Amino acid sequence: MAPDFEHHADLLAVRLGGLDATVFAGSLAGATSPARVFSAVVGAELAAPADAAGTVPLEPGYEHVLFAAFGAAAADGIELRPGSLLYLPPGRGSVAVNASAGARLFLLGGEPLGETLLMWWNFVGRTPDDITTAAHDWSTGQRFGTVTGYHGAPLAAPPLDPVRLARKAR
């Protein structure tokens, strides 16, 4: 399909124990985002307005990650600090989250792809060469089109680390 951009100022939120969950893609706990998606996914921001605990329902057929953006939290007793990511494999129906006041986490999930993929910034590929080509194409204005509705210069991709990419490809 042609490149497109949607902005949704009002997203649905649900309360999960003491956590506020804002659903920005797919569905979670009965709330469905208005954003168009083209595969079965879920994306939600989990915020703790005060020290909080809650049980986050998971789609058992999905694989999920929890990414800690701000503050301290734990998922099923595993500590999460800003910048850490916890992988939750398929088969789980929920995860218990405890978070300190002001903590923000992101839940992302979807159907397993069934193959090894690499991700670097906004680029996804099967090999380090795929990522290198995508980074080159982005920096030279090829292949990715123009993002409409955004004012300003395109963001620069972070520098590639070939050693780290090769390690992820194994």
N, C-alpha and C. Protein backbone atom coordinates (compact mmCIF):
# COMPACT_ATOMS: atom_id res chain seq x y z
N MET A 1 0.84 -1.17 0.00
CA MET A 1 0.00 0.00 0.00
C MET A 1 0.88 1.23 0.00
N ALA A 2 0.33 2.34 -0.33
CA ALA A 2 1.07 3.59 -0.35
C ALA A 2 1.41 4.02 1.07
N PRO A 3 2.53 4.73 1.26
CA PRO A 3 2.86 5.24 2.59
C PRO A 3 1.72 6.11 3.11
N ASP A 4 1.51 6.08 4.40
CA ASP A 4 0.39 6.79 5.00
C ASP A 4 0.75 7.15 6.43
N PHE A 5 0.02 8.10 7.00
CA PHE A 5 0.22 8.51 8.38
C PHE A 5 -1.13 8.79 8.99
N GLU A 6 -1.34 8.31 10.20
CA GLU A 6 -2.56 8.60 10.96
C GLU A 6 -2.17 9.22 12.28
N HIS A 7 -2.93 10.20 12.71
CA HIS A 7 -2.75 10.77 14.04
C HIS A 7 -4.05 10.59 14.81
N HIS A 8 -3.95 10.00 15.99
CA HIS A 8 -5.12 9.80 16.84
C HIS A 8 -4.85 10.47 18.18
N ALA A 9 -5.47 11.62 18.40
CA ALA A 9 -5.24 12.37 19.64
C ALA A 9 -5.91 11.71 20.84
N ASP A 10 -7.00 11.00 20.61
CA ASP A 10 -7.73 10.36 21.69
C ASP A 10 -7.64 8.85 21.55
N LEU A 11 -6.94 8.22 22.48
CA LEU A 11 -6.79 6.76 22.48
C LEU A 11 -7.51 6.20 23.70
N LEU A 12 -8.00 4.98 23.55
CA LEU A 12 -8.73 4.35 24.65
C LEU A 12 -7.76 3.91 25.74
N ALA A 13 -8.20 4.06 26.98
CA ALA A 13 -7.41 3.63 28.13
C ALA A 13 -8.26 2.72 29.01
N VAL A 14 -7.59 1.79 29.66
CA VAL A 14 -8.25 0.91 30.62
C VAL A 14 -7.40 0.88 31.88
N ARG A 15 -8.04 0.56 32.97
CA ARG A 15 -7.34 0.45 34.25
C ARG A 15 -7.07 -1.03 34.50
N LEU A 16 -5.83 -1.36 34.78
CA LEU A 16 -5.42 -2.73 35.08
C LEU A 16 -4.83 -2.73 36.49
N GLY A 17 -5.68 -2.94 37.49
CA GLY A 17 -5.24 -2.77 38.87
C GLY A 17 -4.94 -1.31 39.08
N GLY A 18 -3.70 -0.97 39.47
CA GLY A 18 -3.30 0.41 39.65
C GLY A 18 -2.63 1.02 38.45
N LEU A 19 -2.57 0.29 37.34
CA LEU A 19 -1.91 0.76 36.12
C LEU A 19 -2.92 1.32 35.13
N ASP A 20 -2.53 2.40 34.45
CA ASP A 20 -3.33 2.94 33.36
C ASP A 20 -2.73 2.42 32.06
N ALA A 21 -3.53 1.76 31.25
CA ALA A 21 -3.06 1.20 29.97
C ALA A 21 -3.74 1.95 28.84
N THR A 22 -2.93 2.63 28.01
CA THR A 22 -3.43 3.33 26.83
C THR A 22 -3.10 2.49 25.62
N VAL A 23 -4.13 2.07 24.89
CA VAL A 23 -3.96 1.15 23.77
C VAL A 23 -3.77 1.96 22.48
N PHE A 24 -2.58 1.86 21.87
CA PHE A 24 -2.32 2.61 20.64
C PHE A 24 -2.33 1.74 19.40
N ALA A 25 -2.36 0.43 19.55
CA ALA A 25 -2.49 -0.49 18.40
C ALA A 25 -3.17 -1.76 18.87
N GLY A 26 -4.07 -2.28 18.06
CA GLY A 26 -4.74 -3.52 18.39
C GLY A 26 -5.68 -3.37 19.56
N SER A 27 -5.81 -4.47 20.34
CA SER A 27 -6.75 -4.49 21.46
C SER A 27 -6.08 -5.05 22.71
N LEU A 28 -6.54 -4.54 23.85
CA LEU A 28 -6.07 -5.02 25.14
C LEU A 28 -7.18 -4.81 26.16
N ALA A 29 -7.52 -5.85 26.88
CA ALA A 29 -8.48 -5.78 27.99
C ALA A 29 -9.80 -5.11 27.58
N GLY A 30 -10.27 -5.41 26.37
CA GLY A 30 -11.54 -4.87 25.91
C GLY A 30 -11.46 -3.51 25.25
N ALA A 31 -10.30 -2.87 25.24
CA ALA A 31 -10.13 -1.57 24.58
C ALA A 31 -9.43 -1.79 23.24
N THR A 32 -9.95 -1.17 22.19
CA THR A 32 -9.38 -1.31 20.84
C THR A 32 -8.98 0.05 20.31
N SER A 33 -7.76 0.13 19.84
CA SER A 33 -7.24 1.38 19.27
C SER A 33 -7.92 1.69 17.94
N PRO A 34 -8.11 2.98 17.62
CA PRO A 34 -8.65 3.34 16.32
C PRO A 34 -7.61 3.26 15.19
N ALA A 35 -6.34 3.05 15.53
CA ALA A 35 -5.29 3.01 14.50
C ALA A 35 -5.45 1.76 13.64
N ARG A 36 -5.30 1.95 12.33
CA ARG A 36 -5.36 0.81 11.41
C ARG A 36 -4.11 -0.05 11.58
N VAL A 37 -4.31 -1.35 11.63
CA VAL A 37 -3.20 -2.29 11.66
C VAL A 37 -3.45 -3.33 10.56
N PHE A 38 -2.41 -3.94 10.10
CA PHE A 38 -2.52 -4.87 8.98
C PHE A 38 -2.12 -6.28 9.36
N SER A 39 -1.92 -6.51 10.64
CA SER A 39 -1.68 -7.86 11.16
C SER A 39 -2.14 -7.86 12.61
N ALA A 40 -2.21 -9.03 13.19
CA ALA A 40 -2.67 -9.16 14.57
C ALA A 40 -1.56 -8.70 15.51
N VAL A 41 -1.76 -7.52 16.14
CA VAL A 41 -0.76 -6.94 17.04
C VAL A 41 -1.45 -6.28 18.22
N VAL A 42 -0.65 -5.96 19.24
CA VAL A 42 -1.10 -5.14 20.35
C VAL A 42 0.04 -4.20 20.71
N GLY A 43 -0.33 -2.97 21.04
CA GLY A 43 0.63 -1.98 21.53
C GLY A 43 -0.07 -1.14 22.58
N ALA A 44 0.54 -1.04 23.76
CA ALA A 44 -0.07 -0.26 24.83
C ALA A 44 1.01 0.35 25.71
N GLU A 45 0.73 1.57 26.18
CA GLU A 45 1.58 2.20 27.18
C GLU A 45 0.97 1.89 28.54
N LEU A 46 1.81 1.44 29.47
CA LEU A 46 1.39 1.16 30.83
C LEU A 46 2.01 2.22 31.73
N ALA A 47 1.18 2.96 32.45
CA ALA A 47 1.67 4.05 33.29
C ALA A 47 1.22 3.82 34.73
N ALA A 48 2.12 4.15 35.64
CA ALA A 48 1.82 4.05 37.07
C ALA A 48 1.73 5.46 37.64
N PRO A 49 0.52 5.99 37.88
CA PRO A 49 0.39 7.33 38.45
C PRO A 49 0.87 7.38 39.90
N ALA A 50 0.86 6.24 40.58
CA ALA A 50 1.38 6.09 41.94
C ALA A 50 2.01 4.69 41.99
N ASP A 51 2.67 4.34 43.07
CA ASP A 51 3.16 2.96 43.18
C ASP A 51 1.97 2.04 42.89
N ALA A 52 2.17 1.10 41.98
CA ALA A 52 1.01 0.34 41.50
C ALA A 52 1.38 -1.10 41.16
N ALA A 53 0.34 -1.91 41.14
CA ALA A 53 0.45 -3.29 40.68
C ALA A 53 -0.77 -3.59 39.84
N GLY A 54 -0.60 -4.45 38.85
CA GLY A 54 -1.72 -4.84 38.02
C GLY A 54 -1.39 -6.08 37.22
N THR A 55 -2.41 -6.76 36.78
CA THR A 55 -2.23 -7.93 35.93
C THR A 55 -2.60 -7.52 34.51
N VAL A 56 -1.65 -7.70 33.61
CA VAL A 56 -1.84 -7.32 32.21
C VAL A 56 -2.22 -8.57 31.43
N PRO A 57 -3.41 -8.60 30.82
CA PRO A 57 -3.79 -9.77 30.04
C PRO A 57 -2.96 -9.85 28.75
N LEU A 58 -2.60 -11.05 28.36
CA LEU A 58 -1.83 -11.28 27.14
C LEU A 58 -2.60 -12.24 26.24
N GLU A 59 -2.46 -12.06 24.95
CA GLU A 59 -3.02 -13.00 23.97
C GLU A 59 -2.07 -14.20 23.93
N PRO A 60 -2.52 -15.39 24.35
CA PRO A 60 -1.60 -16.54 24.42
C PRO A 60 -0.92 -16.91 23.10
N GLY A 61 -1.53 -16.59 21.97
CA GLY A 61 -0.93 -16.92 20.68
C GLY A 61 0.13 -15.92 20.23
N TYR A 62 0.28 -14.82 20.96
CA TYR A 62 1.26 -13.79 20.60
C TYR A 62 2.56 -13.98 21.37
N GLU A 63 3.63 -13.44 20.82
CA GLU A 63 4.82 -13.21 21.62
C GLU A 63 4.79 -11.73 21.97
N HIS A 64 5.28 -11.39 23.16
CA HIS A 64 5.20 -10.02 23.66
C HIS A 64 6.56 -9.56 24.16
N VAL A 65 6.71 -8.25 24.25
CA VAL A 65 7.84 -7.66 24.97
C VAL A 65 7.29 -6.56 25.86
N LEU A 66 7.95 -6.35 26.97
CA LEU A 66 7.70 -5.21 27.84
C LEU A 66 8.96 -4.38 27.82
N PHE A 67 8.82 -3.11 27.47
CA PHE A 67 9.96 -2.19 27.41
C PHE A 67 9.78 -1.13 28.48
N ALA A 68 10.78 -0.97 29.32
CA ALA A 68 10.73 0.05 30.37
C ALA A 68 11.26 1.36 29.81
N ALA A 69 10.43 2.39 29.82
CA ALA A 69 10.83 3.71 29.31
C ALA A 69 11.26 4.64 30.44
N PHE A 70 10.52 4.64 31.55
CA PHE A 70 10.81 5.52 32.69
C PHE A 70 10.53 4.77 33.97
N GLY A 71 11.33 5.03 34.99
CA GLY A 71 11.06 4.52 36.33
C GLY A 71 11.40 3.05 36.50
N ALA A 72 11.10 2.57 37.69
CA ALA A 72 11.40 1.18 38.05
C ALA A 72 10.12 0.35 38.02
N ALA A 73 10.25 -0.88 37.55
CA ALA A 73 9.11 -1.79 37.50
C ALA A 73 9.63 -3.22 37.56
N ALA A 74 8.70 -4.14 37.73
CA ALA A 74 9.03 -5.57 37.68
C ALA A 74 7.87 -6.28 36.99
N ALA A 75 8.21 -7.30 36.22
CA ALA A 75 7.21 -8.13 35.54
C ALA A 75 7.43 -9.56 35.98
N ASP A 76 6.43 -10.13 36.66
CA ASP A 76 6.56 -11.47 37.24
C ASP A 76 7.85 -11.59 38.04
N GLY A 77 8.17 -10.52 38.79
CA GLY A 77 9.34 -10.51 39.66
C GLY A 77 10.66 -10.18 38.98
N ILE A 78 10.66 -10.01 37.67
CA ILE A 78 11.90 -9.66 36.94
C ILE A 78 12.01 -8.15 36.87
N GLU A 79 13.11 -7.62 37.40
CA GLU A 79 13.30 -6.18 37.46
C GLU A 79 13.47 -5.57 36.07
N LEU A 80 12.81 -4.44 35.86
CA LEU A 80 12.92 -3.68 34.61
C LEU A 80 13.34 -2.26 34.94
N ARG A 81 14.36 -1.78 34.28
CA ARG A 81 14.84 -0.40 34.42
C ARG A 81 14.77 0.26 33.05
N PRO A 82 14.78 1.59 32.99
CA PRO A 82 14.71 2.26 31.69
C PRO A 82 15.72 1.72 30.69
N GLY A 83 15.22 1.41 29.51
CA GLY A 83 16.04 0.87 28.43
C GLY A 83 16.04 -0.65 28.39
N SER A 84 15.49 -1.32 29.39
CA SER A 84 15.48 -2.79 29.36
C SER A 84 14.22 -3.30 28.69
N LEU A 85 14.35 -4.48 28.11
CA LEU A 85 13.25 -5.10 27.38
C LEU A 85 13.14 -6.54 27.85
N LEU A 86 11.95 -6.98 28.16
CA LEU A 86 11.70 -8.34 28.60
C LEU A 86 10.86 -9.05 27.54
N TYR A 87 11.36 -10.19 27.05
CA TYR A 87 10.64 -11.00 26.06
C TYR A 87 9.73 -11.97 26.79
N LEU A 88 8.48 -12.05 26.34
CA LEU A 88 7.50 -12.97 26.89
C LEU A 88 7.03 -13.89 25.75
N PRO A 89 7.42 -15.15 25.76
CA PRO A 89 7.09 -16.05 24.65
C PRO A 89 5.60 -16.38 24.59
N PRO A 90 5.15 -16.92 23.45
CA PRO A 90 3.75 -17.32 23.34
C PRO A 90 3.37 -18.33 24.43
N GLY A 91 2.07 -18.39 24.69
CA GLY A 91 1.57 -19.35 25.65
C GLY A 91 1.17 -18.74 26.98
N ARG A 92 1.46 -17.48 27.19
CA ARG A 92 1.13 -16.81 28.45
C ARG A 92 -0.21 -16.11 28.33
N GLY A 93 -1.01 -16.16 29.40
CA GLY A 93 -2.30 -15.47 29.42
C GLY A 93 -2.26 -14.13 30.13
N SER A 94 -1.19 -13.89 30.91
CA SER A 94 -1.08 -12.62 31.62
C SER A 94 0.34 -12.46 32.16
N VAL A 95 0.62 -11.24 32.62
CA VAL A 95 1.88 -10.94 33.31
C VAL A 95 1.55 -9.98 34.45
N ALA A 96 2.13 -10.24 35.62
CA ALA A 96 1.93 -9.38 36.78
C ALA A 96 2.98 -8.28 36.75
N VAL A 97 2.54 -7.03 36.82
CA VAL A 97 3.44 -5.89 36.76
C VAL A 97 3.32 -5.08 38.05
N ASN A 98 4.46 -4.77 38.63
CA ASN A 98 4.56 -3.84 39.77
C ASN A 98 5.41 -2.69 39.29
N ALA A 99 4.98 -1.47 39.59
CA ALA A 99 5.71 -0.30 39.09
C ALA A 99 5.71 0.81 40.13
N SER A 100 6.81 1.55 40.16
CA SER A 100 6.90 2.70 41.05
C SER A 100 6.18 3.89 40.42
N ALA A 101 5.81 4.85 41.25
CA ALA A 101 5.11 6.04 40.77
C ALA A 101 5.90 6.70 39.65
N GLY A 102 5.22 7.01 38.57
CA GLY A 102 5.85 7.66 37.42
C GLY A 102 6.44 6.71 36.40
N ALA A 103 6.44 5.42 36.68
CA ALA A 103 6.99 4.44 35.72
C ALA A 103 6.12 4.37 34.48
N ARG A 104 6.77 4.17 33.34
CA ARG A 104 6.07 3.96 32.07
C ARG A 104 6.73 2.80 31.34
N LEU A 105 5.88 1.88 30.91
CA LEU A 105 6.32 0.71 30.17
C LEU A 105 5.53 0.63 28.88
N PHE A 106 6.07 -0.06 27.91
CA PHE A 106 5.35 -0.30 26.67
C PHE A 106 5.23 -1.80 26.47
N LEU A 107 4.01 -2.24 26.19
CA LEU A 107 3.73 -3.62 25.84
C LEU A 107 3.54 -3.69 24.34
N LEU A 108 4.32 -4.53 23.70
CA LEU A 108 4.18 -4.77 22.26
C LEU A 108 4.05 -6.26 22.04
N GLY A 109 3.17 -6.67 21.13
CA GLY A 109 3.01 -8.09 20.88
C GLY A 109 2.36 -8.35 19.55
N GLY A 110 2.48 -9.59 19.13
CA GLY A 110 1.86 -10.01 17.89
C GLY A 110 2.12 -11.47 17.63
N GLU A 111 1.54 -11.95 16.54
CA GLU A 111 1.73 -13.34 16.16
C GLU A 111 3.19 -13.59 15.80
N PRO A 112 3.77 -14.69 16.27
CA PRO A 112 5.16 -15.00 15.92
C PRO A 112 5.32 -15.10 14.40
N LEU A 113 6.46 -14.61 13.93
CA LEU A 113 6.71 -14.62 12.48
C LEU A 113 7.26 -15.94 11.99
N GLY A 114 7.82 -16.75 12.88
CA GLY A 114 8.31 -18.05 12.48
C GLY A 114 9.66 -18.02 11.77
N GLU A 115 10.37 -16.92 11.86
CA GLU A 115 11.70 -16.83 11.25
C GLU A 115 12.53 -15.82 12.04
N THR A 116 13.83 -15.94 11.92
CA THR A 116 14.73 -15.01 12.61
C THR A 116 14.77 -13.70 11.85
N LEU A 117 14.56 -12.61 12.56
CA LEU A 117 14.62 -11.28 11.97
C LEU A 117 15.56 -10.41 12.80
N LEU A 118 16.14 -9.43 12.15
CA LEU A 118 16.97 -8.43 12.81
C LEU A 118 16.23 -7.11 12.81
N MET A 119 16.44 -6.33 13.87
CA MET A 119 15.87 -4.99 13.91
C MET A 119 16.96 -4.04 14.36
N TRP A 120 17.07 -2.94 13.63
CA TRP A 120 17.99 -1.87 13.99
C TRP A 120 17.24 -0.57 13.78
N TRP A 121 16.97 0.14 14.85
CA TRP A 121 16.18 1.36 14.83
C TRP A 121 14.83 1.05 14.20
N ASN A 122 14.49 1.63 13.04
CA ASN A 122 13.22 1.37 12.39
C ASN A 122 13.33 0.36 11.25
N PHE A 123 14.47 -0.29 11.14
CA PHE A 123 14.71 -1.20 10.02
C PHE A 123 14.60 -2.65 10.48
N VAL A 124 13.93 -3.47 9.68
CA VAL A 124 13.80 -4.89 9.96
C VAL A 124 14.27 -5.64 8.72
N GLY A 125 15.07 -6.67 8.93
CA GLY A 125 15.57 -7.47 7.81
C GLY A 125 15.93 -8.86 8.27
N ARG A 126 16.33 -9.68 7.33
CA ARG A 126 16.73 -11.05 7.64
C ARG A 126 18.24 -11.20 7.82
N THR A 127 19.01 -10.26 7.24
CA THR A 127 20.46 -10.34 7.31
C THR A 127 21.04 -8.97 7.66
N PRO A 128 22.28 -8.94 8.15
CA PRO A 128 22.92 -7.63 8.38
C PRO A 128 22.96 -6.78 7.11
N ASP A 129 23.14 -7.41 5.93
CA ASP A 129 23.14 -6.66 4.68
C ASP A 129 21.79 -5.98 4.42
N ASP A 130 20.69 -6.65 4.79
CA ASP A 130 19.37 -6.03 4.64
C ASP A 130 19.28 -4.74 5.45
N ILE A 131 19.81 -4.78 6.67
CA ILE A 131 19.76 -3.60 7.55
C ILE A 131 20.66 -2.50 7.01
N THR A 132 21.86 -2.86 6.56
CA THR A 132 22.79 -1.88 6.00
C THR A 132 22.18 -1.20 4.78
N THR A 133 21.54 -1.98 3.92
CA THR A 133 20.90 -1.42 2.73
C THR A 133 19.75 -0.49 3.12
N ALA A 134 18.94 -0.89 4.10
CA ALA A 134 17.82 -0.05 4.54
C ALA A 134 18.33 1.27 5.13
N ALA A 135 19.40 1.22 5.93
CA ALA A 135 19.96 2.44 6.51
C ALA A 135 20.48 3.37 5.42
N HIS A 136 21.14 2.80 4.42
CA HIS A 136 21.64 3.60 3.29
C HIS A 136 20.47 4.24 2.54
N ASP A 137 19.45 3.43 2.24
CA ASP A 137 18.30 3.94 1.50
C ASP A 137 17.59 5.05 2.27
N TRP A 138 17.48 4.90 3.58
CA TRP A 138 16.85 5.93 4.41
C TRP A 138 17.65 7.23 4.34
N SER A 139 18.96 7.12 4.52
CA SER A 139 19.80 8.33 4.57
C SER A 139 19.88 9.04 3.23
N THR A 140 19.62 8.32 2.12
CA THR A 140 19.69 8.94 0.80
C THR A 140 18.30 9.24 0.23
N GLY A 141 17.26 9.03 1.04
CA GLY A 141 15.91 9.37 0.60
C GLY A 141 15.31 8.39 -0.40
N GLN A 142 15.83 7.18 -0.44
CA GLN A 142 15.30 6.17 -1.37
C GLN A 142 14.33 5.24 -0.66
N ARG A 143 13.44 4.65 -1.37
CA ARG A 143 12.59 3.53 -0.99
C ARG A 143 11.52 3.82 0.05
N PHE A 144 11.75 4.70 1.00
CA PHE A 144 10.81 4.85 2.11
C PHE A 144 9.77 5.94 1.90
N GLY A 145 9.88 6.71 0.86
CA GLY A 145 8.88 7.74 0.59
C GLY A 145 8.98 8.90 1.57
N THR A 146 7.98 9.74 1.53
CA THR A 146 7.92 10.93 2.37
C THR A 146 6.87 10.74 3.44
N VAL A 147 7.20 11.13 4.65
CA VAL A 147 6.23 11.07 5.74
C VAL A 147 5.42 12.35 5.69
N THR A 148 4.14 12.22 5.36
CA THR A 148 3.28 13.40 5.31
C THR A 148 2.76 13.71 6.71
N GLY A 149 2.46 14.96 6.95
CA GLY A 149 1.93 15.34 8.25
C GLY A 149 3.00 15.59 9.29
N TYR A 150 4.26 15.40 8.94
CA TYR A 150 5.38 15.66 9.85
C TYR A 150 6.16 16.84 9.32
N HIS A 151 6.40 17.83 10.16
CA HIS A 151 7.12 19.01 9.74
C HIS A 151 8.52 18.96 10.33
N GLY A 152 9.51 19.06 9.48
CA GLY A 152 10.90 19.01 9.92
C GLY A 152 11.68 18.05 9.07
N ALA A 153 12.97 18.09 9.25
CA ALA A 153 13.86 17.21 8.49
C ALA A 153 13.67 15.77 8.96
N PRO A 154 13.88 14.80 8.07
CA PRO A 154 13.81 13.39 8.50
C PRO A 154 14.82 13.13 9.61
N LEU A 155 14.44 12.27 10.54
CA LEU A 155 15.36 11.88 11.59
C LEU A 155 16.50 11.06 11.01
N ALA A 156 17.69 11.27 11.52
CA ALA A 156 18.84 10.48 11.08
C ALA A 156 18.84 9.14 11.81
N ALA A 157 19.14 8.09 11.09
CA ALA A 157 19.26 6.76 11.71
C ALA A 157 20.52 6.73 12.58
N PRO A 158 20.49 5.97 13.67
CA PRO A 158 21.70 5.86 14.49
C PRO A 158 22.79 5.12 13.72
N PRO A 159 24.05 5.33 14.09
CA PRO A 159 25.14 4.63 13.39
C PRO A 159 24.98 3.12 13.51
N LEU A 160 25.32 2.41 12.46
CA LEU A 160 25.25 0.95 12.46
C LEU A 160 26.45 0.38 13.21
N ASP A 161 26.24 -0.73 13.90
CA ASP A 161 27.31 -1.46 14.57
C ASP A 161 27.36 -2.84 13.93
N PRO A 162 28.22 -3.03 12.90
CA PRO A 162 28.24 -4.30 12.17
C PRO A 162 28.51 -5.52 13.05
N VAL A 163 29.32 -5.37 14.08
CA VAL A 163 29.61 -6.50 14.96
C VAL A 163 28.36 -6.92 15.71
N ARG A 164 27.64 -5.95 16.25
CA ARG A 164 26.41 -6.26 16.99
C ARG A 164 25.35 -6.85 16.06
N LEU A 165 25.22 -6.31 14.85
CA LEU A 165 24.25 -6.86 13.89
C LEU A 165 24.59 -8.30 13.53
N ALA A 166 25.86 -8.60 13.33
CA ALA A 166 26.27 -9.97 12.99
C ALA A 166 25.97 -10.91 14.14
N ARG A 167 26.16 -10.44 15.37
CA ARG A 167 25.89 -11.27 16.54
C ARG A 167 24.40 -11.57 16.65
N LYS A 168 23.54 -10.59 16.34
CA LYS A 168 22.09 -10.79 16.39
C LYS A 168 21.62 -11.75 15.30
N ALA A 169 22.34 -11.84 14.20
CA ALA A 169 21.91 -12.67 13.07
C ALA A 169 22.10 -14.15 13.34
N ARG A 170 22.88 -14.49 14.33
CA ARG A 170 23.14 -15.92 14.61
C ARG A 170 21.96 -16.60 15.20
